[in-house]
Amino acid sequence: MFWRHRTESNGIERSEQAMNSLEGKIVAITGGFGSLGLGTARVLAERGARIALIGRSDKTGTLPAPLADACIVTGIDLADALAAQRAIDTIVQRTGGLHALVNVAGAFSWETIGDGSVDTWQSMFDVNVKTALNASKAALGPLSAGAGGRIVNVGALAALKAGAGMGAYAASKAALMRLTEALAEELKDKGVTVNAVLPSIIDTAPNRRDMPDADFARWVKPEELGAVIAFLLSPDAQCITGASIPVTGRV
């Protein structure tokens, strides 16, 4: 079978098959209102997914057109297991189900061990691991209810090797990798895959402000990482589970 191709605004050709690979799938995204959350949501929506966005703040800002019909759940602290369960239950009630969860929620802290605080290690674990753990646990029921459930965690390349000042952050992202692997093993006979992506530097406004002299063209754009996530959510990735995939751009 041959598929017609079309060119998107960024000049990349996509087959109609790829563009519709998530048609009708209900996908919840934590950290949904940040640069990466919205970039990923837009990519998934353009591939036919029905999007649910989970955010901690009540402020959502103006959503792009593809997300006009998104299910919005705000005021959720995912480090609280009960709040995470409430968010997932709300999404299932409003949309009728859940096929995939993308754990984007997280934070970064640069702090040396010698001059930093032990409390930073706990806070990095809470925001980068506990949020994903609680959201995943809350979603296990609906994801296991049908065939082809998916979880994708957004880790970081630093999980593979920490640099100076990145001990707490890298340790938390390494823990997220282990969570990904353990959950993948637990769910592999239930038809649910669990994978992670490990981006290098993501091209966001805050990162540009923090590193104004960098070559932004070498970084990973949110929509590019979103496309990798879209693949992991698609039927084409049904045989991949427990993987942590580096997405490094040219860094």
C-alpha atoms as a PDB file:
ATOM      1  CA  MET A   1       0.000   0.000   0.000  1.00  0.00           C
ATOM      2  CA  PHE A   2       1.283   3.456  -0.888  1.00  0.00           C
ATOM      3  CA  TRP A   3       0.734   6.535   1.187  1.00  0.00           C
ATOM      4  CA  ARG A   4       0.535  10.082  -0.087  1.00  0.00           C
ATOM      5  CA  HIS A   5       2.939  12.513   1.525  1.00  0.00           C
ATOM      6  CA  ARG A   6       2.472  16.102   2.516  1.00  0.00           C
ATOM      7  CA  THR A   7       4.924  18.730   3.712  1.00  0.00           C
ATOM      8  CA  GLU A   8       4.423  20.379   7.093  1.00  0.00           C
ATOM      9  CA  SER A   9       5.270  23.986   7.852  1.00  0.00           C
ATOM     10  CA  ASN A  10       8.754  22.987   8.988  1.00  0.00           C
ATOM     11  CA  GLY A  11       9.444  21.408   5.592  1.00  0.00           C
ATOM     12  CA  ILE A  12       9.497  17.821   6.838  1.00  0.00           C
ATOM     13  CA  GLU A  13       7.489  15.360   4.784  1.00  0.00           C
ATOM     14  CA  ARG A  14       5.120  13.137   6.730  1.00  0.00           C
ATOM     15  CA  SER A  15       3.059  10.294   5.326  1.00  0.00           C
ATOM     16  CA  GLU A  16      -0.677  10.387   5.971  1.00  0.00           C
ATOM     17  CA  GLN A  17      -0.248   7.080   7.785  1.00  0.00           C
ATOM     18  CA  ALA A  18       2.213   8.664  10.246  1.00  0.00           C
ATOM     19  CA  MET A  19       0.107  11.796  10.621  1.00  0.00           C
ATOM     20  CA  ASN A  20      -2.919   9.712  11.664  1.00  0.00           C
ATOM     21  CA  SER A  21      -1.057   7.112  13.725  1.00  0.00           C
ATOM     22  CA  LEU A  22      -2.687   8.229  16.989  1.00  0.00           C
ATOM     23  CA  GLU A  23      -6.193   8.778  15.659  1.00  0.00           C
ATOM     24  CA  GLY A  24      -8.706   8.702  18.504  1.00  0.00           C
ATOM     25  CA  LYS A  25      -6.164   7.862  21.212  1.00  0.00           C
ATOM     26  CA  ILE A  26      -6.650   9.689  24.510  1.00  0.00           C
ATOM     27  CA  VAL A  27      -3.285  10.929  25.771  1.00  0.00           C
ATOM     28  CA  ALA A  28      -2.688  12.609  29.131  1.00  0.00           C
ATOM     29  CA  ILE A  29       0.363  14.868  29.434  1.00  0.00           C
ATOM     30  CA  THR A  30       1.726  15.975  32.805  1.00  0.00           C
ATOM     31  CA  GLY A  31       3.503  19.318  32.895  1.00  0.00           C
ATOM     32  CA  GLY A  32       1.184  20.032  30.011  1.00  0.00           C
ATOM     33  CA  PHE A  33       1.426  23.813  29.992  1.00  0.00           C
ATOM     34  CA  GLY A  34       5.200  24.219  29.780  1.00  0.00           C
ATOM     35  CA  SER A  35       7.134  24.627  26.541  1.00  0.00           C
ATOM     36  CA  LEU A  36       7.800  20.906  26.154  1.00  0.00           C
ATOM     37  CA  GLY A  37       4.341  19.852  27.302  1.00  0.00           C
ATOM     38  CA  LEU A  38       2.585  22.118  24.815  1.00  0.00           C
ATOM     39  CA  GLY A  39       5.017  21.313  21.997  1.00  0.00           C
ATOM     40  CA  THR A  40       4.477  17.599  22.524  1.00  0.00           C
ATOM     41  CA  ALA A  41       0.715  18.016  22.837  1.00  0.00           C
ATOM     42  CA  ARG A  42       0.551  19.876  19.553  1.00  0.00           C
ATOM     43  CA  VAL A  43       2.476  17.153  17.716  1.00  0.00           C
ATOM     44  CA  LEU A  44       0.270  14.425  19.162  1.00  0.00           C
ATOM     45  CA  ALA A  45      -2.931  16.345  18.397  1.00  0.00           C
ATOM     46  CA  GLU A  46      -1.827  16.794  14.795  1.00  0.00           C
ATOM     47  CA  ARG A  47      -1.496  13.011  14.612  1.00  0.00           C
ATOM     48  CA  GLY A  48      -5.077  12.539  15.690  1.00  0.00           C
ATOM     49  CA  ALA A  49      -4.725  12.142  19.478  1.00  0.00           C
ATOM     50  CA  ARG A  50      -7.256  13.529  21.918  1.00  0.00           C
ATOM     51  CA  ILE A  51      -5.210  15.485  24.442  1.00  0.00           C
ATOM     52  CA  ALA A  52      -5.618  15.950  28.195  1.00  0.00           C
ATOM     53  CA  LEU A  53      -3.276  18.468  29.822  1.00  0.00           C
ATOM     54  CA  ILE A  54      -2.407  18.268  33.529  1.00  0.00           C
ATOM     55  CA  GLY A  55      -0.819  21.291  35.202  1.00  0.00           C
ATOM     56  CA  ARG A  56       0.084  22.424  38.702  1.00  0.00           C
ATOM     57  CA  SER A  57      -0.849  26.053  38.180  1.00  0.00           C
ATOM     58  CA  ASP A  58      -4.374  27.252  37.426  1.00  0.00           C
ATOM     59  CA  LYS A  59      -2.955  29.476  34.684  1.00  0.00           C
ATOM     60  CA  THR A  60      -3.008  27.831  31.277  1.00  0.00           C
ATOM     61  CA  GLY A  61      -2.264  30.723  28.956  1.00  0.00           C
ATOM     62  CA  THR A  62      -3.506  30.749  25.373  1.00  0.00           C
ATOM     63  CA  LEU A  63      -3.487  27.287  23.834  1.00  0.00           C
ATOM     64  CA  PRO A  64      -2.599  26.745  20.151  1.00  0.00           C
ATOM     65  CA  ALA A  65      -5.450  25.881  17.788  1.00  0.00           C
ATOM     66  CA  PRO A  66      -4.823  22.095  17.687  1.00  0.00           C
ATOM     67  CA  LEU A  67      -5.456  22.018  21.453  1.00  0.00           C
ATOM     68  CA  ALA A  68      -8.703  23.974  21.455  1.00  0.00           C
ATOM     69  CA  ASP A  69     -10.664  20.879  22.478  1.00  0.00           C
ATOM     70  CA  ALA A  70      -8.117  19.542  24.981  1.00  0.00           C
ATOM     71  CA  CYS A  71      -9.276  18.299  28.368  1.00  0.00           C
ATOM     72  CA  ILE A  72      -7.771  20.658  30.959  1.00  0.00           C
ATOM     73  CA  VAL A  73      -6.985  19.621  34.545  1.00  0.00           C
ATOM     74  CA  THR A  74      -5.196  22.269  36.623  1.00  0.00           C
ATOM     75  CA  GLY A  75      -4.219  22.862  40.229  1.00  0.00           C
ATOM     76  CA  ILE A  76      -2.689  19.392  40.522  1.00  0.00           C
ATOM     77  CA  ASP A  77       0.443  18.670  42.582  1.00  0.00           C
ATOM     78  CA  LEU A  78       1.498  15.308  41.174  1.00  0.00           C
ATOM     79  CA  ALA A  79       3.879  14.744  44.093  1.00  0.00           C
ATOM     80  CA  ASP A  80       0.646  14.095  46.021  1.00  0.00           C
ATOM     81  CA  ALA A  81      -0.601  10.601  45.140  1.00  0.00           C
ATOM     82  CA  LEU A  82      -4.235  11.472  45.862  1.00  0.00           C
ATOM     83  CA  ALA A  83      -4.066  14.551  43.643  1.00  0.00           C
ATOM     84  CA  ALA A  84      -2.540  12.476  40.843  1.00  0.00           C
ATOM     85  CA  GLN A  85      -5.338   9.923  41.150  1.00  0.00           C
ATOM     86  CA  ARG A  86      -7.922  12.707  41.105  1.00  0.00           C
ATOM     87  CA  ALA A  87      -6.416  14.128  37.902  1.00  0.00           C
ATOM     88  CA  ILE A  88      -6.440  10.797  36.073  1.00  0.00           C
ATOM     89  CA  ASP A  89      -9.959   9.970  37.288  1.00  0.00           C
ATOM     90  CA  THR A  90     -11.169  13.356  36.054  1.00  0.00           C
ATOM     91  CA  ILE A  91      -9.671  12.752  32.609  1.00  0.00           C
ATOM     92  CA  VAL A  92     -11.233   9.294  32.333  1.00  0.00           C
ATOM     93  CA  GLN A  93     -14.626  10.648  33.393  1.00  0.00           C
ATOM     94  CA  ARG A  94     -14.511  13.528  30.911  1.00  0.00           C
ATOM     95  CA  THR A  95     -13.074  11.667  27.917  1.00  0.00           C
ATOM     96  CA  GLY A  96     -14.289   8.105  28.440  1.00  0.00           C
ATOM     97  CA  GLY A  97     -10.895   6.458  28.867  1.00  0.00           C
ATOM     98  CA  LEU A  98      -7.132   6.739  28.653  1.00  0.00           C
ATOM     99  CA  HIS A  99      -4.751   5.139  26.167  1.00  0.00           C
ATOM    100  CA  ALA A 100      -1.429   6.819  26.969  1.00  0.00           C
ATOM    101  CA  LEU A 101       0.379   8.880  29.584  1.00  0.00           C
ATOM    102  CA  VAL A 102       3.329  11.176  28.847  1.00  0.00           C
ATOM    103  CA  ASN A 103       5.178  12.280  31.989  1.00  0.00           C
ATOM    104  CA  VAL A 104       6.732  15.635  31.112  1.00  0.00           C
ATOM    105  CA  ALA A 105       6.446  17.298  34.546  1.00  0.00           C
ATOM    106  CA  GLY A 106       9.844  17.997  36.030  1.00  0.00           C
ATOM    107  CA  ALA A 107      12.406  20.631  36.946  1.00  0.00           C
ATOM    108  CA  PHE A 108      16.129  21.384  36.778  1.00  0.00           C
ATOM    109  CA  SER A 109      18.493  22.597  39.470  1.00  0.00           C
ATOM    110  CA  TRP A 110      22.206  23.380  39.067  1.00  0.00           C
ATOM    111  CA  GLU A 111      23.958  23.123  42.409  1.00  0.00           C
ATOM    112  CA  THR A 112      27.314  21.726  43.419  1.00  0.00           C
ATOM    113  CA  ILE A 113      27.447  19.133  46.155  1.00  0.00           C
ATOM    114  CA  GLY A 114      29.992  21.087  48.159  1.00  0.00           C
ATOM    115  CA  ASP A 115      28.066  24.348  48.216  1.00  0.00           C
ATOM    116  CA  GLY A 116      24.543  22.997  47.832  1.00  0.00           C
ATOM    117  CA  SER A 117      21.842  21.639  50.101  1.00  0.00           C
ATOM    118  CA  VAL A 118      20.900  18.046  50.787  1.00  0.00           C
ATOM    119  CA  ASP A 119      17.284  19.221  50.506  1.00  0.00           C
ATOM    120  CA  THR A 120      17.817  19.811  46.786  1.00  0.00           C
ATOM    121  CA  TRP A 121      18.247  16.075  46.275  1.00  0.00           C
ATOM    122  CA  GLN A 122      14.867  15.422  47.853  1.00  0.00           C
ATOM    123  CA  SER A 123      13.153  18.189  45.871  1.00  0.00           C
ATOM    124  CA  MET A 124      14.606  16.897  42.588  1.00  0.00           C
ATOM    125  CA  PHE A 125      13.407  13.391  43.418  1.00  0.00           C
ATOM    126  CA  ASP A 126       9.944  14.703  44.267  1.00  0.00           C
ATOM    127  CA  VAL A 127       9.466  16.685  41.069  1.00  0.00           C
ATOM    128  CA  ASN A 128      11.273  14.412  38.598  1.00  0.00           C
ATOM    129  CA  VAL A 129      10.462  10.938  39.940  1.00  0.00           C
ATOM    130  CA  LYS A 130       7.570  11.074  42.366  1.00  0.00           C
ATOM    131  CA  THR A 131       5.352  12.950  39.916  1.00  0.00           C
ATOM    132  CA  ALA A 132       5.881  10.295  37.240  1.00  0.00           C
ATOM    133  CA  LEU A 133       5.458   7.487  39.761  1.00  0.00           C
ATOM    134  CA  ASN A 134       2.167   8.848  41.098  1.00  0.00           C
ATOM    135  CA  ALA A 135       0.727   9.641  37.676  1.00  0.00           C
ATOM    136  CA  SER A 136       1.713   6.220  36.333  1.00  0.00           C
ATOM    137  CA  LYS A 137       0.236   4.366  39.307  1.00  0.00           C
ATOM    138  CA  ALA A 138      -2.990   6.333  38.937  1.00  0.00           C
ATOM    139  CA  ALA A 139      -3.172   5.502  35.223  1.00  0.00           C
ATOM    140  CA  LEU A 140      -2.475   1.766  35.446  1.00  0.00           C
ATOM    141  CA  GLY A 141      -6.128   0.773  35.593  1.00  0.00           C
ATOM    142  CA  PRO A 142      -7.367   2.557  32.472  1.00  0.00           C
ATOM    143  CA  LEU A 143      -4.138   1.888  30.545  1.00  0.00           C
ATOM    144  CA  SER A 144      -4.444  -1.841  31.207  1.00  0.00           C
ATOM    145  CA  ALA A 145      -8.143  -1.939  30.357  1.00  0.00           C
ATOM    146  CA  GLY A 146      -7.585  -2.084  26.601  1.00  0.00           C
ATOM    147  CA  ALA A 147      -4.874  -3.197  24.210  1.00  0.00           C
ATOM    148  CA  GLY A 148      -1.838  -1.055  23.499  1.00  0.00           C
ATOM    149  CA  GLY A 149      -1.530   1.180  26.560  1.00  0.00           C
ATOM    150  CA  ARG A 150       1.522   3.438  26.588  1.00  0.00           C
ATOM    151  CA  ILE A 151       3.620   5.358  29.110  1.00  0.00           C
ATOM    152  CA  VAL A 152       6.487   7.616  28.017  1.00  0.00           C
ATOM    153  CA  ASN A 153       8.666   9.353  30.602  1.00  0.00           C
ATOM    154  CA  VAL A 154      10.758  12.407  29.760  1.00  0.00           C
ATOM    155  CA  GLY A 155      14.158  11.837  31.327  1.00  0.00           C
ATOM    156  CA  ALA A 156      17.426  13.551  30.493  1.00  0.00           C
ATOM    157  CA  LEU A 157      20.736  12.697  28.882  1.00  0.00           C
ATOM    158  CA  ALA A 158      22.343  13.648  32.205  1.00  0.00           C
ATOM    159  CA  ALA A 159      20.936  10.397  33.621  1.00  0.00           C
ATOM    160  CA  LEU A 160      23.724   8.588  31.766  1.00  0.00           C
ATOM    161  CA  LYS A 161      26.551  10.796  33.081  1.00  0.00           C
ATOM    162  CA  ALA A 162      26.369  13.659  35.534  1.00  0.00           C
ATOM    163  CA  GLY A 163      28.409  16.810  35.190  1.00  0.00           C
ATOM    164  CA  ALA A 164      29.546  19.243  37.865  1.00  0.00           C
ATOM    165  CA  GLY A 165      26.583  20.878  39.551  1.00  0.00           C
ATOM    166  CA  MET A 166      24.169  18.297  38.175  1.00  0.00           C
ATOM    167  CA  GLY A 167      24.370  15.616  40.850  1.00  0.00           C
ATOM    168  CA  ALA A 168      20.853  15.955  42.262  1.00  0.00           C
ATOM    169  CA  TYR A 169      19.221  16.467  38.865  1.00  0.00           C
ATOM    170  CA  ALA A 170      21.106  13.611  37.201  1.00  0.00           C
ATOM    171  CA  ALA A 171      20.413  11.255  40.095  1.00  0.00           C
ATOM    172  CA  SER A 172      16.687  11.957  39.895  1.00  0.00           C
ATOM    173  CA  LYS A 173      16.648  11.370  36.143  1.00  0.00           C
ATOM    174  CA  ALA A 174      18.635   8.145  36.605  1.00  0.00           C
ATOM    175  CA  ALA A 175      15.979   7.037  39.096  1.00  0.00           C
ATOM    176  CA  LEU A 176      13.348   7.807  36.458  1.00  0.00           C
ATOM    177  CA  MET A 177      15.170   5.426  34.092  1.00  0.00           C
ATOM    178  CA  ARG A 178      15.013   2.667  36.706  1.00  0.00           C
ATOM    179  CA  LEU A 179      11.314   3.404  37.249  1.00  0.00           C
ATOM    180  CA  THR A 180      10.794   3.081  33.495  1.00  0.00           C
ATOM    181  CA  GLU A 181      12.570  -0.273  33.362  1.00  0.00           C
ATOM    182  CA  ALA A 182      10.848  -1.728  36.429  1.00  0.00           C
ATOM    183  CA  LEU A 183       7.379  -0.670  35.326  1.00  0.00           C
ATOM    184  CA  ALA A 184       8.000  -1.993  31.822  1.00  0.00           C
ATOM    185  CA  GLU A 185       8.772  -5.413  33.291  1.00  0.00           C
ATOM    186  CA  GLU A 186       5.665  -5.336  35.459  1.00  0.00           C
ATOM    187  CA  LEU A 187       3.374  -4.399  32.570  1.00  0.00           C
ATOM    188  CA  LYS A 188       4.836  -6.281  29.607  1.00  0.00           C
ATOM    189  CA  ASP A 189       2.293  -9.111  29.868  1.00  0.00           C
ATOM    190  CA  LYS A 190      -0.584  -6.623  30.144  1.00  0.00           C
ATOM    191  CA  GLY A 191       0.019  -5.060  26.744  1.00  0.00           C
ATOM    192  CA  VAL A 192       1.298  -1.757  28.177  1.00  0.00           C
ATOM    193  CA  THR A 193       4.700  -0.444  27.075  1.00  0.00           C
ATOM    194  CA  VAL A 194       6.805   1.920  29.186  1.00  0.00           C
ATOM    195  CA  ASN A 195       9.691   3.861  27.664  1.00  0.00           C
ATOM    196  CA  ALA A 196      11.697   7.022  28.267  1.00  0.00           C
ATOM    197  CA  VAL A 197      13.292   9.681  26.102  1.00  0.00           C
ATOM    198  CA  LEU A 198      16.566  11.299  27.173  1.00  0.00           C
ATOM    199  CA  PRO A 199      16.890  14.755  25.611  1.00  0.00           C
ATOM    200  CA  SER A 200      20.020  16.861  25.787  1.00  0.00           C
ATOM    201  CA  ILE A 201      19.254  20.603  25.803  1.00  0.00           C
ATOM    202  CA  ILE A 202      15.717  21.489  24.735  1.00  0.00           C
ATOM    203  CA  ASP A 203      15.260  24.688  22.752  1.00  0.00           C
ATOM    204  CA  THR A 204      13.001  26.666  25.090  1.00  0.00           C
ATOM    205  CA  ALA A 205      12.850  30.343  25.976  1.00  0.00           C
ATOM    206  CA  PRO A 206      14.219  29.796  29.518  1.00  0.00           C
ATOM    207  CA  ASN A 207      17.180  27.795  28.183  1.00  0.00           C
ATOM    208  CA  ARG A 208      17.929  30.508  25.641  1.00  0.00           C
ATOM    209  CA  ARG A 209      17.897  33.107  28.404  1.00  0.00           C
ATOM    210  CA  ASP A 210      20.217  31.005  30.564  1.00  0.00           C
ATOM    211  CA  MET A 211      22.647  30.257  27.707  1.00  0.00           C
ATOM    212  CA  PRO A 212      22.450  33.277  25.368  1.00  0.00           C
ATOM    213  CA  ASP A 213      25.766  32.538  23.642  1.00  0.00           C
ATOM    214  CA  ALA A 214      24.902  28.952  22.698  1.00  0.00           C
ATOM    215  CA  ASP A 215      24.122  27.754  19.183  1.00  0.00           C
ATOM    216  CA  PHE A 216      20.395  27.148  19.531  1.00  0.00           C
ATOM    217  CA  ALA A 217      20.266  25.317  16.198  1.00  0.00           C
ATOM    218  CA  ARG A 218      22.123  22.414  17.826  1.00  0.00           C
ATOM    219  CA  TRP A 219      19.480  21.918  20.493  1.00  0.00           C
ATOM    220  CA  VAL A 220      16.413  19.670  20.388  1.00  0.00           C
ATOM    221  CA  LYS A 221      13.191  21.509  19.589  1.00  0.00           C
ATOM    222  CA  PRO A 222      10.127  20.568  21.665  1.00  0.00           C
ATOM    223  CA  GLU A 223       8.300  19.445  18.523  1.00  0.00           C
ATOM    224  CA  GLU A 224      11.224  17.198  17.556  1.00  0.00           C
ATOM    225  CA  LEU A 225      11.154  15.479  20.917  1.00  0.00           C
ATOM    226  CA  GLY A 226       7.375  15.328  20.573  1.00  0.00           C
ATOM    227  CA  ALA A 227       7.759  13.437  17.307  1.00  0.00           C
ATOM    228  CA  VAL A 228       9.905  10.785  19.015  1.00  0.00           C
ATOM    229  CA  ILE A 229       7.293  10.490  21.740  1.00  0.00           C
ATOM    230  CA  ALA A 230       4.586  10.174  19.078  1.00  0.00           C
ATOM    231  CA  PHE A 231       6.464   7.221  17.596  1.00  0.00           C
ATOM    232  CA  LEU A 232       6.701   5.514  20.995  1.00  0.00           C
ATOM    233  CA  LEU A 233       2.935   5.954  21.416  1.00  0.00           C
ATOM    234  CA  SER A 234       2.179   4.585  17.960  1.00  0.00           C
ATOM    235  CA  PRO A 235       1.427   0.985  16.911  1.00  0.00           C
ATOM    236  CA  ASP A 236       4.844   0.908  15.187  1.00  0.00           C
ATOM    237  CA  ALA A 237       6.511   0.886  18.632  1.00  0.00           C
ATOM    238  CA  GLN A 238       4.510  -1.941  20.152  1.00  0.00           C
ATOM    239  CA  CYS A 239       7.627  -4.118  20.444  1.00  0.00           C
ATOM    240  CA  ILE A 240       9.654  -1.483  22.324  1.00  0.00           C
ATOM    241  CA  THR A 241       9.425  -1.384  26.098  1.00  0.00           C
ATOM    242  CA  GLY A 242      11.830  -0.585  28.932  1.00  0.00           C
ATOM    243  CA  ALA A 243      13.975   1.552  26.608  1.00  0.00           C
ATOM    244  CA  SER A 244      15.585   4.911  27.374  1.00  0.00           C
ATOM    245  CA  ILE A 245      16.252   6.619  24.054  1.00  0.00           C
ATOM    246  CA  PRO A 246      18.790   9.473  23.782  1.00  0.00           C
ATOM    247  CA  VAL A 247      17.461  12.431  21.756  1.00  0.00           C
ATOM    248  CA  THR A 248      20.465  14.703  21.546  1.00  0.00           C
ATOM    249  CA  GLY A 249      20.181  16.899  18.466  1.00  0.00           C
ATOM    250  CA  ARG A 250      23.754  18.022  17.734  1.00  0.00           C
ATOM    251  CA  VAL A 251      24.812  18.654  21.334  1.00  0.00           C
END
